[in-house]
Amino acid sequence: MLLLLVYVGAWGVLRALWPDLLRGWRRWVLLGGSVGSLVVWLVPLLAGPQVEVPAALRMFTVGWSVSAIIVLLIGSPLALLRKWVDRKNAVLAPSVPLDSDVI
């Protein structure tokens, strides 16, 4: 369940930082990698100790999970900082003078 939250958080961070990244085939790669990783993590837990997951799938799962955690840990502060700077700039932006302000 924690990994599902990490994957959703990483998706949110990527969506906030690079909106065009999650369109088209890239979205399906992210979704497929996340679902595949969750399945490889859950199969041994649900089936018991007699199930052996191939090493290549375990390596993929660990790599995918670590990369999602890195995206979440590094990207979250960057996304929050970007949102804060954009909001601050929007407040400080000068307004367009009205016709009544022109002398």
Protein backbone atom coordinates (compact mmCIF):
# COMPACT_ATOMS: atom_id res chain seq x y z
CA MET A 1 0.00 0.00 0.00
CA LEU A 2 2.90 2.32 0.74
CA LEU A 3 4.35 1.71 -2.72
CA LEU A 4 1.02 2.61 -4.29
CA LEU A 5 1.15 5.95 -2.47
CA VAL A 6 4.75 6.45 -3.62
CA TYR A 7 3.80 5.73 -7.25
CA VAL A 8 0.80 8.06 -7.13
CA GLY A 9 2.95 10.74 -5.49
CA ALA A 10 5.64 10.37 -8.14
CA TRP A 11 2.96 10.66 -10.83
CA GLY A 12 1.68 13.85 -9.20
CA VAL A 13 5.17 15.33 -9.00
CA LEU A 14 5.89 14.51 -12.64
CA ARG A 15 2.53 15.97 -13.63
CA ALA A 16 3.27 19.18 -11.73
CA LEU A 17 6.80 19.63 -13.06
CA TRP A 18 6.40 18.40 -16.64
CA PRO A 19 2.74 18.28 -17.74
CA ASP A 20 3.58 17.14 -21.28
CA LEU A 21 5.58 14.19 -19.97
CA LEU A 22 2.45 12.29 -19.01
CA ARG A 23 0.73 12.32 -22.38
CA GLY A 24 0.57 9.62 -25.01
CA TRP A 25 2.81 6.59 -24.73
CA ARG A 26 4.76 7.96 -21.75
CA ARG A 27 1.66 7.77 -19.57
CA TRP A 28 1.20 4.10 -20.47
CA VAL A 29 4.86 3.33 -19.74
CA LEU A 30 4.55 4.91 -16.30
CA LEU A 31 1.28 3.10 -15.60
CA GLY A 32 2.58 -0.24 -16.88
CA GLY A 33 5.81 -0.01 -14.92
CA SER A 34 3.98 0.90 -11.73
CA VAL A 35 1.38 -1.86 -12.06
CA GLY A 36 4.04 -4.40 -13.04
CA SER A 37 6.17 -3.44 -10.09
CA LEU A 38 3.24 -3.72 -7.69
CA VAL A 39 2.35 -7.15 -9.08
CA VAL A 40 5.91 -8.42 -8.63
CA TRP A 41 5.92 -7.13 -5.03
CA LEU A 42 2.49 -8.62 -4.23
CA VAL A 43 2.76 -12.08 -5.84
CA PRO A 44 5.17 -13.52 -3.22
CA LEU A 45 3.18 -11.91 -0.41
CA LEU A 46 -0.13 -13.36 -1.58
CA ALA A 47 1.06 -16.76 -2.84
CA GLY A 48 3.42 -17.58 0.00
CA PRO A 49 7.07 -18.56 0.29
CA GLN A 50 6.85 -21.36 -2.30
CA VAL A 51 6.63 -18.83 -5.17
CA GLU A 52 9.94 -17.77 -6.68
CA VAL A 53 10.00 -14.54 -8.68
CA PRO A 54 12.75 -14.40 -11.33
CA ALA A 55 15.72 -12.23 -10.47
CA ALA A 56 15.26 -10.00 -13.51
CA LEU A 57 11.74 -9.07 -12.41
CA ARG A 58 12.92 -8.41 -8.86
CA MET A 59 15.71 -6.17 -10.17
CA PHE A 60 13.24 -4.26 -12.35
CA THR A 61 10.86 -3.86 -9.41
CA VAL A 62 13.53 -2.58 -7.06
CA GLY A 63 14.86 -0.17 -9.69
CA TRP A 64 11.37 1.13 -10.50
CA SER A 65 10.53 1.58 -6.82
CA VAL A 66 13.81 3.35 -6.03
CA SER A 67 13.39 5.67 -9.01
CA ALA A 68 9.82 6.52 -7.93
CA ILE A 69 11.05 7.27 -4.39
CA ILE A 70 13.83 9.49 -5.76
CA VAL A 71 11.36 11.36 -7.99
CA LEU A 72 9.05 11.84 -5.01
CA LEU A 73 11.76 12.98 -2.59
CA ILE A 74 13.60 15.32 -4.96
CA GLY A 75 10.67 16.45 -7.08
CA SER A 76 8.21 17.32 -4.29
CA PRO A 77 10.24 20.25 -2.93
CA LEU A 78 10.93 21.43 -6.48
CA ALA A 79 7.23 21.29 -7.39
CA LEU A 80 6.27 23.15 -4.21
CA LEU A 81 8.97 25.77 -4.80
CA ARG A 82 7.86 26.24 -8.39
CA LYS A 83 4.23 26.65 -7.33
CA TRP A 84 5.25 29.12 -4.60
CA VAL A 85 7.38 31.20 -7.00
CA ASP A 86 4.64 31.22 -9.65
CA ARG A 87 2.07 32.34 -7.08
CA LYS A 88 4.41 35.03 -5.73
CA ASN A 89 5.11 36.34 -9.25
CA ALA A 90 1.40 36.41 -10.07
CA VAL A 91 0.71 38.57 -7.00
CA LEU A 92 3.59 40.95 -7.75
CA ALA A 93 2.87 41.32 -11.46
CA PRO A 94 1.80 44.85 -12.36
CA SER A 95 -1.74 45.23 -13.54
CA VAL A 96 -2.66 46.67 -16.90
CA PRO A 97 -3.56 50.37 -16.57
CA LEU A 98 -7.19 51.18 -17.14
CA ASP A 99 -8.40 53.90 -19.47
CA SER A 100 -9.50 55.91 -16.45
CA ASP A 101 -5.93 55.84 -15.05
CA VAL A 102 -4.47 57.55 -18.12
CA ILE A 103 -4.23 61.33 -17.72
